[in-house]
């Protein structure tokens, strides 16, 4: 009696598509994707962020100051830094995951080279994000306050809790890369031995 068909069914997911381009071309595509993505993600973070305002008093700018007579500070005066950090982090992680997944699925001719390209390209993308948010940020209100009149309302500048947040881009990209590599590699490598073992068991019976 022939064995059940399920014994011969391949136990793996479909192989990843390969664009069959030279390794250096794939590296260039990955780095270019991070460059373009870094510019777009930086613009998105700067656009989504809403800078808090403050008032000038005696040549100094006070974040959250809403009245100088009497001086009154609004609540959540640190919302500018928190919100800027939050939006930057969200956009950086989204960029890293998108490019990392795309590189792992379509640009995997050499996995080591792909990992290196994602690491370098991700760092470039994160640095470009920081550059764009800095360029689109309002001018430093502390400097403008020196020549502004009392009661002038000025927006805060884009500030991050730490400049090391740019590493969220390569970090999330490498995470996506490794997860996808682990999802496919064991199944692709184990399939031939798995089928041979089934054939031996069927022959013994």
Protein backbone atom coordinates (compact mmCIF):
# COMPACT_ATOMS: atom_id res chain seq x y z
CA UNK A 1 0.00 0.00 0.00
CA UNK A 2 1.52 3.36 -0.98
CA UNK A 3 2.30 5.77 1.86
CA UNK A 4 0.00 8.70 2.48
CA UNK A 5 0.70 11.61 0.12
CA UNK A 6 1.29 13.89 3.08
CA UNK A 7 4.60 12.12 3.76
CA UNK A 8 6.00 13.51 0.55
CA UNK A 9 4.60 17.01 0.95
CA UNK A 10 7.48 19.47 1.31
CA UNK A 11 7.53 20.94 4.82
CA UNK A 12 8.66 24.44 4.07
CA UNK A 13 7.46 27.83 2.95
CA UNK A 14 7.97 28.92 -0.67
CA UNK A 15 11.50 30.01 -1.42
CA UNK A 16 12.19 33.70 -1.27
CA UNK A 17 12.26 35.50 -4.61
CA UNK A 18 15.67 36.55 -5.83
CA UNK A 19 16.13 39.54 -8.11
CA UNK A 20 19.29 37.83 -9.44
CA UNK A 21 21.27 41.02 -9.50
CA UNK A 22 25.01 41.20 -8.73
CA UNK A 23 25.85 41.61 -5.06
CA UNK A 24 27.22 45.14 -5.47
CA UNK A 25 24.06 46.22 -7.26
CA UNK A 26 21.95 44.86 -4.42
CA UNK A 27 24.14 46.72 -1.90
CA UNK A 28 23.64 49.94 -3.86
CA UNK A 29 19.87 49.38 -3.90
CA UNK A 30 19.77 48.84 -0.12
CA UNK A 31 21.86 51.92 0.65
CA UNK A 32 19.83 54.03 -1.80
CA UNK A 33 16.61 52.84 -0.15
CA UNK A 34 17.91 53.98 3.24
CA UNK A 35 19.02 57.33 1.84
CA UNK A 36 15.64 58.07 0.26
CA UNK A 37 13.79 56.58 3.21
CA UNK A 38 15.84 58.63 5.68
CA UNK A 39 14.90 61.85 3.91
CA UNK A 40 11.21 60.89 3.80
CA UNK A 41 11.12 59.63 7.39
CA UNK A 42 12.86 62.76 8.66
CA UNK A 43 10.35 64.95 6.86
CA UNK A 44 7.49 62.87 8.27
CA UNK A 45 8.80 63.13 11.84
CA UNK A 46 9.27 66.89 11.57
CA UNK A 47 5.81 67.33 10.03
CA UNK A 48 3.96 65.16 12.53
CA UNK A 49 5.62 66.87 15.50
CA UNK A 50 3.86 69.92 16.91
CA UNK A 51 6.34 72.21 18.69
CA UNK A 52 5.26 73.63 22.03
CA UNK A 53 5.53 77.37 22.52
CA UNK A 54 6.92 79.62 25.20
CA UNK A 55 7.24 83.31 26.01
CA UNK A 56 10.15 85.69 26.28
CA UNK A 57 10.76 87.35 29.63
CA UNK A 58 13.79 89.55 30.36
CA UNK A 59 15.62 88.32 27.29
CA UNK A 60 15.11 84.63 28.10
CA UNK A 61 12.73 82.08 26.59
CA UNK A 62 10.67 79.92 28.90
CA UNK A 63 9.05 76.79 27.50
CA UNK A 64 5.42 76.51 28.55
CA UNK A 65 5.14 80.12 29.74
CA UNK A 66 1.67 81.35 28.75
CA UNK A 67 1.51 84.63 30.66
CA UNK A 68 4.05 87.12 31.97
CA UNK A 69 1.60 89.09 34.13
CA UNK A 70 1.54 87.16 36.36
CA UNK A 71 4.10 84.58 35.10
CA UNK A 72 2.17 81.35 34.49
CA UNK A 73 3.60 78.04 33.32
CA UNK A 74 1.36 75.58 31.49
CA UNK A 75 1.39 71.90 32.29
CA UNK A 76 3.43 69.33 30.33
CA UNK A 77 6.23 71.78 29.57
CA UNK A 78 8.45 68.87 28.42
CA UNK A 79 5.97 67.64 25.83
CA UNK A 80 8.13 69.04 23.04
CA UNK A 81 11.09 66.76 23.76
CA UNK A 82 8.86 63.77 24.49
CA UNK A 83 6.77 64.24 21.35
CA UNK A 84 9.80 64.87 19.13
CA UNK A 85 11.51 61.76 20.48
CA UNK A 86 8.33 59.72 20.05
CA UNK A 87 7.67 60.70 16.44
CA UNK A 88 11.33 60.31 15.50
CA UNK A 89 11.40 56.82 17.05
CA UNK A 90 8.21 55.72 15.29
CA UNK A 91 9.42 56.90 11.88
CA UNK A 92 12.91 55.45 12.41
CA UNK A 93 11.60 52.01 13.39
CA UNK A 94 9.12 52.00 10.50
CA UNK A 95 11.91 52.86 8.04
CA UNK A 96 14.21 50.17 9.40
CA UNK A 97 11.56 47.46 9.35
CA UNK A 98 10.38 48.25 5.83
CA UNK A 99 13.83 48.31 4.25
CA UNK A 100 15.03 45.36 6.35
CA UNK A 101 12.09 43.19 5.29
CA UNK A 102 12.48 44.17 1.64
CA UNK A 103 16.23 43.45 1.71
CA UNK A 104 15.73 40.07 3.38
CA UNK A 105 13.02 38.96 0.95
CA UNK A 106 14.23 40.31 -2.39
CA UNK A 107 17.93 41.14 -1.98
CA UNK A 108 19.45 38.12 -0.28
CA UNK A 109 22.01 36.84 -2.80
CA UNK A 110 24.71 37.10 -0.11
CA UNK A 111 23.29 37.21 3.39
CA UNK A 112 26.51 38.50 5.01
CA UNK A 113 26.85 41.29 2.48
CA UNK A 114 23.15 42.11 2.88
CA UNK A 115 23.60 42.38 6.64
CA UNK A 116 26.60 44.69 6.20
CA UNK A 117 24.71 46.84 3.68
CA UNK A 118 21.73 47.11 6.03
CA UNK A 119 24.00 48.11 8.92
CA UNK A 120 25.85 50.83 7.00
CA UNK A 121 22.81 52.00 5.04
CA UNK A 122 20.68 52.09 8.19
CA UNK A 123 23.22 54.29 9.98
CA UNK A 124 23.24 56.65 6.98
CA UNK A 125 19.44 56.71 6.93
CA UNK A 126 19.27 57.51 10.64
CA UNK A 127 21.81 60.32 10.28
CA UNK A 128 19.83 61.77 7.37
CA UNK A 129 16.66 61.64 9.46
CA UNK A 130 18.35 63.68 12.18
CA UNK A 131 19.71 66.14 9.60
CA UNK A 132 16.29 66.68 8.01
CA UNK A 133 14.51 67.19 11.32
CA UNK A 134 17.20 69.67 12.35
CA UNK A 135 16.90 71.64 9.11
CA UNK A 136 13.10 71.73 9.31
CA UNK A 137 13.10 72.62 13.01
CA UNK A 138 12.22 76.14 14.17
CA UNK A 139 15.21 78.22 15.15
CA UNK A 140 16.53 77.93 18.69
CA UNK A 141 14.18 80.12 20.78
CA UNK A 142 16.85 80.75 23.40
CA UNK A 143 18.93 82.59 20.83
CA UNK A 144 15.97 84.50 19.39
CA UNK A 145 14.85 85.57 22.87
CA UNK A 146 17.93 87.76 23.32
CA UNK A 147 16.56 90.28 20.81
CA UNK A 148 12.83 89.68 21.28
CA UNK A 149 10.42 91.75 23.34
CA UNK A 150 8.89 90.51 26.57
CA UNK A 151 5.74 88.49 25.91
CA UNK A 152 6.84 87.36 22.44
CA UNK A 153 5.65 83.81 21.71
CA UNK A 154 8.27 81.52 20.13
CA UNK A 155 8.04 77.84 19.17
CA UNK A 156 10.48 75.29 20.55
CA UNK A 157 13.12 73.66 18.37
CA UNK A 158 13.13 69.96 17.49
CA UNK A 159 15.07 68.12 20.20
CA UNK A 160 15.64 64.44 20.86
CA UNK A 161 16.18 62.78 24.21
CA UNK A 162 19.39 61.33 22.76
CA UNK A 163 21.13 61.59 19.36
CA UNK A 164 21.78 57.84 19.57
CA UNK A 165 18.16 57.33 18.54
CA UNK A 166 19.44 57.31 14.96
CA UNK A 167 20.56 53.73 15.68
CA UNK A 168 16.91 52.70 15.77
CA UNK A 169 17.01 52.58 11.97
CA UNK A 170 19.81 50.00 11.54
CA UNK A 171 18.73 48.19 14.71
CA UNK A 172 15.16 47.57 13.56
CA UNK A 173 16.38 46.73 10.05
CA UNK A 174 18.80 44.09 11.34
CA UNK A 175 16.10 42.65 13.57
CA UNK A 176 13.76 42.24 10.58
CA UNK A 177 16.61 40.80 8.54
CA UNK A 178 17.57 38.16 11.10
CA UNK A 179 13.99 37.11 11.80
CA UNK A 180 13.28 36.51 8.11
CA UNK A 181 16.60 34.74 7.57
CA UNK A 182 15.82 32.41 10.48
CA UNK A 183 12.31 31.78 9.17
CA UNK A 184 13.59 30.50 5.83
CA UNK A 185 17.09 29.10 6.28
CA UNK A 186 16.36 26.08 8.52
CA UNK A 187 13.46 24.89 6.38
CA UNK A 188 15.36 25.23 3.12
CA UNK A 189 18.37 23.38 4.47
CA UNK A 190 16.43 20.62 6.24
CA UNK A 191 14.11 19.60 3.43
CA UNK A 192 16.35 17.14 1.48
CA UNK A 193 17.36 15.22 4.60
CA UNK A 194 13.77 15.18 5.74
CA UNK A 195 12.61 13.55 2.50
CA UNK A 196 15.47 11.03 2.59
CA UNK A 197 14.48 10.01 6.07
CA UNK A 198 10.89 9.47 4.91
CA UNK A 199 12.10 7.31 1.99
CA UNK A 200 14.16 5.14 4.33
CA UNK A 201 11.23 4.61 6.66
CA UNK A 202 8.90 3.70 3.78
CA UNK A 203 11.46 1.27 2.33
CA UNK A 204 11.93 -0.43 5.68
CA UNK A 205 8.22 -1.05 5.96
